[in-house]
Protein backbone atom coordinates (compact mmCIF):
# COMPACT_ATOMS: atom_id res chain seq x y z
CA MET A 1 6.18 -4.84 -18.16
CA LYS A 2 9.95 -4.36 -18.38
CA LYS A 3 9.59 -0.70 -17.34
CA ILE A 4 7.47 -1.77 -14.37
CA LEU A 5 10.09 -4.28 -13.24
CA VAL A 6 12.88 -1.72 -13.62
CA LEU A 7 10.91 0.83 -11.54
CA PHE A 8 10.29 -1.69 -8.78
CA VAL A 9 13.93 -2.83 -8.71
CA LEU A 10 15.19 0.78 -8.61
CA SER A 11 12.89 1.58 -5.68
CA ILE A 12 14.18 -1.43 -3.77
CA ALA A 13 17.78 -0.49 -4.61
CA CYS A 14 17.28 3.04 -3.25
CA ILE A 15 16.05 1.65 0.07
CA MET A 16 18.82 -0.97 0.26
CA GLY A 17 21.46 1.57 -0.77
CA THR A 18 21.08 3.35 2.56
CA HIS A 19 22.08 0.23 4.51
CA ALA A 20 25.61 1.45 5.19
CA GLN A 21 24.43 4.55 7.03
CA GLU A 22 24.81 4.65 10.79
CA GLY A 23 21.64 4.04 12.79
CA LEU A 24 19.83 2.43 9.88
CA LYS A 25 18.47 -1.09 9.61
CA TRP A 26 16.53 -2.74 6.83
CA GLY A 27 14.48 -5.87 6.32
CA ALA A 28 11.41 -7.40 4.71
CA MET A 29 7.71 -7.00 5.37
CA ALA A 30 4.50 -8.60 4.13
CA GLY A 31 0.87 -8.70 5.08
CA MET A 32 -2.81 -8.48 4.24
CA ASN A 33 -4.77 -5.54 2.80
CA SER A 34 -8.46 -4.87 3.29
CA SER A 35 -9.09 -2.11 0.77
CA LYS A 36 -12.07 -0.18 -0.58
CA PHE A 37 -13.04 3.10 -2.22
CA SER A 38 -14.28 6.03 -0.16
CA THR A 39 -17.74 6.38 -1.73
CA ASP A 40 -20.78 4.45 -0.51
CA GLY A 41 -21.99 1.35 -2.30
CA LEU A 42 -18.63 -0.36 -2.76
CA ASP A 43 -17.45 -3.24 -0.61
CA SER A 44 -13.95 -3.91 0.66
CA LYS A 45 -11.80 -6.66 -0.81
CA VAL A 46 -8.80 -8.60 0.45
CA GLY A 47 -5.36 -8.07 -1.05
CA PHE A 48 -1.75 -8.18 0.06
CA HIS A 49 1.48 -6.22 0.29
CA VAL A 50 5.07 -7.42 0.19
CA GLY A 51 8.45 -5.72 -0.10
CA ILE A 52 11.36 -4.27 1.83
CA LYS A 53 11.55 -1.61 4.52
CA ALA A 54 14.14 0.49 6.31
CA GLU A 55 14.29 2.44 9.55
CA LYS A 56 16.68 5.34 10.16
CA GLU A 57 17.19 6.55 13.72
CA LEU A 58 17.02 10.34 14.16
CA PRO A 59 18.65 11.02 17.56
CA GLN A 60 19.36 14.60 16.50
CA ILE A 61 15.61 15.22 16.88
CA ALA A 62 14.96 13.08 19.97
CA GLN A 63 15.75 9.64 21.32
CA GLY A 64 13.31 7.13 19.85
CA VAL A 65 12.40 9.21 16.79
CA TYR A 66 13.01 7.48 13.47
CA LEU A 67 12.24 7.61 9.74
CA ASP A 68 10.30 4.63 8.36
CA MET A 69 10.52 3.86 4.62
CA ALA A 70 9.40 0.98 2.40
CA ALA A 71 9.03 -0.14 -1.20
CA LEU A 72 6.01 -2.43 -1.55
CA LEU A 73 4.06 -4.31 -4.18
CA SER A 74 0.48 -3.79 -3.00
CA LEU A 75 -2.82 -5.19 -4.28
CA LYS A 76 -5.71 -2.87 -3.41
CA GLY A 77 -9.10 -2.15 -5.01
CA ALA A 78 -12.77 -2.57 -4.22
CA GLN A 79 -15.81 -4.50 -5.39
CA ILE A 80 -19.54 -4.15 -5.96
CA ASN A 81 -21.64 -7.22 -5.22
CA GLY A 82 -25.30 -7.42 -6.21
CA ASN A 83 -27.82 -10.21 -6.48
CA ASP A 84 -27.10 -10.82 -10.16
CA ALA A 85 -24.00 -8.76 -10.85
CA SER A 86 -20.55 -7.90 -9.59
CA LEU A 87 -17.69 -5.59 -10.49
CA LYS A 88 -14.21 -6.02 -9.02
CA PHE A 89 -11.18 -3.71 -9.26
CA ASN A 90 -7.77 -5.39 -8.78
CA PRO A 91 -5.04 -2.72 -9.10
CA TYR A 92 -1.43 -3.54 -8.23
CA TYR A 93 0.69 -0.61 -7.05
CA LEU A 94 4.30 0.14 -6.34
CA GLU A 95 3.83 1.95 -3.04
CA ILE A 96 6.46 3.98 -1.18
CA PRO A 97 5.47 5.16 2.32
CA ILE A 98 7.77 7.62 4.08
CA HIS A 99 6.73 8.06 7.72
CA MET A 100 8.10 9.77 10.80
CA GLY A 101 7.79 7.59 13.89
CA TYR A 102 8.52 7.13 17.56
CA LYS A 103 9.62 3.89 19.21
CA TYR A 104 9.56 3.30 22.96
CA ALA A 105 11.60 0.39 24.30
CA ILE A 106 9.97 -1.32 27.31
CA ASN A 107 13.13 -3.42 27.64
CA ASP A 108 15.84 -4.83 25.38
CA ASN A 109 13.46 -7.37 23.86
CA PHE A 110 10.17 -5.48 23.53
CA ALA A 111 9.16 -2.08 22.14
CA ILE A 112 6.04 -0.30 20.96
CA PHE A 113 6.01 2.11 18.04
CA GLY A 114 3.85 4.36 15.92
CA ASN A 115 4.46 6.35 12.76
CA PHE A 116 2.64 8.71 10.42
CA GLY A 117 3.32 10.28 7.04
CA PRO A 118 2.66 10.30 3.31
CA TYR A 119 2.71 7.51 0.80
CA PHE A 120 3.27 7.68 -2.95
CA ALA A 121 1.97 4.98 -5.28
CA VAL A 122 2.23 4.19 -8.99
CA GLY A 123 -0.19 1.77 -10.64
CA LEU A 124 1.67 -1.10 -12.27
CA PHE A 125 -0.93 -3.49 -13.69
CA GLY A 126 -4.20 -5.23 -12.86
CA LYS A 127 -7.67 -6.09 -14.10
CA MET A 128 -11.23 -5.00 -13.49
CA LYS A 129 -13.74 -7.79 -13.88
CA ALA A 130 -17.48 -7.57 -14.50
CA THR A 131 -19.93 -10.43 -14.10
CA GLY A 132 -23.64 -10.44 -14.80
CA TYR A 133 -24.27 -7.21 -16.69
CA LEU A 134 -22.82 -4.75 -19.18
CA ILE A 135 -20.55 -1.98 -17.90
CA ASP A 136 -20.81 0.44 -20.79
CA GLU A 137 -19.24 3.40 -19.00
CA VAL A 138 -16.06 1.56 -18.02
CA GLU A 139 -13.48 1.34 -20.75
CA GLY A 140 -12.92 -2.17 -22.09
CA LEU A 141 -15.83 -3.96 -20.38
CA THR A 142 -18.33 -4.78 -23.10
CA SER A 143 -19.86 -8.16 -22.30
CA ILE A 144 -21.70 -9.89 -19.48
CA HIS A 145 -18.56 -11.72 -18.33
CA ASP A 146 -15.58 -9.56 -19.20
CA SER A 147 -12.33 -8.10 -17.91
CA ALA A 148 -10.14 -5.18 -18.90
CA LYS A 149 -7.02 -3.39 -17.76
CA VAL A 150 -7.72 -1.55 -14.53
CA PHE A 151 -5.61 1.51 -15.44
CA GLY A 152 -6.78 3.55 -18.44
CA SER A 153 -8.29 6.81 -19.65
CA ASN A 154 -11.80 5.84 -18.50
CA ALA A 155 -10.66 3.58 -15.69
CA MET A 156 -8.37 4.07 -12.69
CA LYS A 157 -5.58 6.65 -12.54
CA ARG A 158 -2.06 5.33 -12.18
CA PHE A 159 -0.78 7.79 -9.58
CA ASP A 160 -2.00 7.87 -6.00
CA PHE A 161 -0.96 9.88 -2.97
CA GLY A 162 -2.20 9.91 0.59
CA LEU A 163 -1.48 9.74 4.30
CA GLY A 164 -0.85 6.68 6.42
CA LEU A 165 -0.85 5.81 10.11
CA LYS A 166 0.70 2.70 11.66
CA ALA A 167 1.20 1.26 15.16
CA GLY A 168 2.72 -1.96 16.37
CA VAL A 169 5.09 -3.91 18.56
CA GLU A 170 8.68 -5.07 18.08
CA PHE A 171 10.31 -8.17 19.55
CA PHE A 172 14.06 -8.72 20.07
CA GLN A 173 14.81 -5.68 17.86
CA LYS A 174 14.12 -7.87 14.80
CA TYR A 175 10.45 -8.86 14.53
CA GLN A 176 7.51 -6.48 14.06
CA VAL A 177 3.74 -6.89 14.02
CA SER A 178 1.73 -3.80 13.04
CA ILE A 179 -1.64 -2.48 11.95
CA GLY A 180 -2.02 0.55 9.70
CA TYR A 181 -4.46 2.56 7.65
CA ASP A 182 -3.98 4.62 4.49
CA TRP A 183 -6.21 7.48 3.37
CA GLY A 184 -5.88 8.28 -0.34
CA LEU A 185 -6.21 11.99 -1.09
CA LEU A 186 -6.63 11.83 -4.88
CA ASP A 187 -9.56 10.61 -6.96
CA ASN A 188 -8.58 7.18 -8.27
CA ILE A 189 -11.09 7.52 -11.13
CA GLU A 190 -11.50 10.86 -12.91
CA ASP A 191 -14.22 13.07 -11.33
CA SER A 192 -15.64 10.12 -9.38
CA GLY A 193 -14.97 11.20 -5.80
CA ASN A 194 -13.53 7.72 -5.21
CA LYS A 195 -10.38 7.63 -3.10
CA ASN A 196 -8.38 4.62 -1.98
CA ARG A 197 -8.78 3.39 1.59
CA ASN A 198 -6.68 0.54 2.93
CA LEU A 199 -6.40 -1.30 6.25
CA MET A 200 -3.13 -3.25 6.60
CA LEU A 201 -1.97 -6.03 8.90
CA SER A 202 1.78 -6.56 8.55
CA VAL A 203 4.67 -8.60 9.85
CA GLY A 204 8.28 -7.55 9.41
CA TYR A 205 11.78 -8.89 9.94
CA PHE A 206 15.03 -6.93 10.14
CA PHE A 207 18.19 -8.51 8.73
C-alpha cells in the first residue's frame, strides 16, 4: 500500500511540477464512470474518477491547440448478473491520460473543446466478489459468497493501455463539463479477449 501511495503522489507531483511553465494551467477534476468489459455477457457498473489535471497551450502548432494531462484515481470494472448468481470486478487504477486537443473560444466566458490520445493505467488495488455460486477458475474465489483481490496471476492484469476521446464546454476559463470514452487495447485478463471500456462524465476546475 505504501508503494501505491508513493506512485500516486509522484504522478500528481509531476503534473503539478509543470505549473510554472508559460501557457499552462492546472486544476482538479472528478466524475462518474460507467465501465464494462468488451466481451458480451458482462454488464456495465458505476464507478468514479478523481484527481488533478493540467493543460499546456501549444501555440507553436496552432492557436487553440493544447496538451491535456491528468493523474486520476479511477474505479472501473464490470459485473455479471444472473437470476441466482453475480460476479463483480472492482479494480482501482492510477490512470494517466495524455491527450492532444483543440479549444475554440466563442467569447471570453465560453469555449468548446475536444481532445484525443492515449492513456496509461496501473492497477492499484480492488476486489472481485462472487455471490451465489462457486467461481473455481478465478483465483481466490472458493465459496458461494466470497471475495478476492482483483489483480493476480489468474485474475486481472495490473497494466492497461488504450485510447481516449473527450469533448466538453468551458465556462469563464475556469470550469469544465465534459464527456469522454476510453477504449482499452490490452486484455485485462490473460487470453480472455476482455478489454476495458469506460464512459466518463466529468467536471473540472482550474486554480
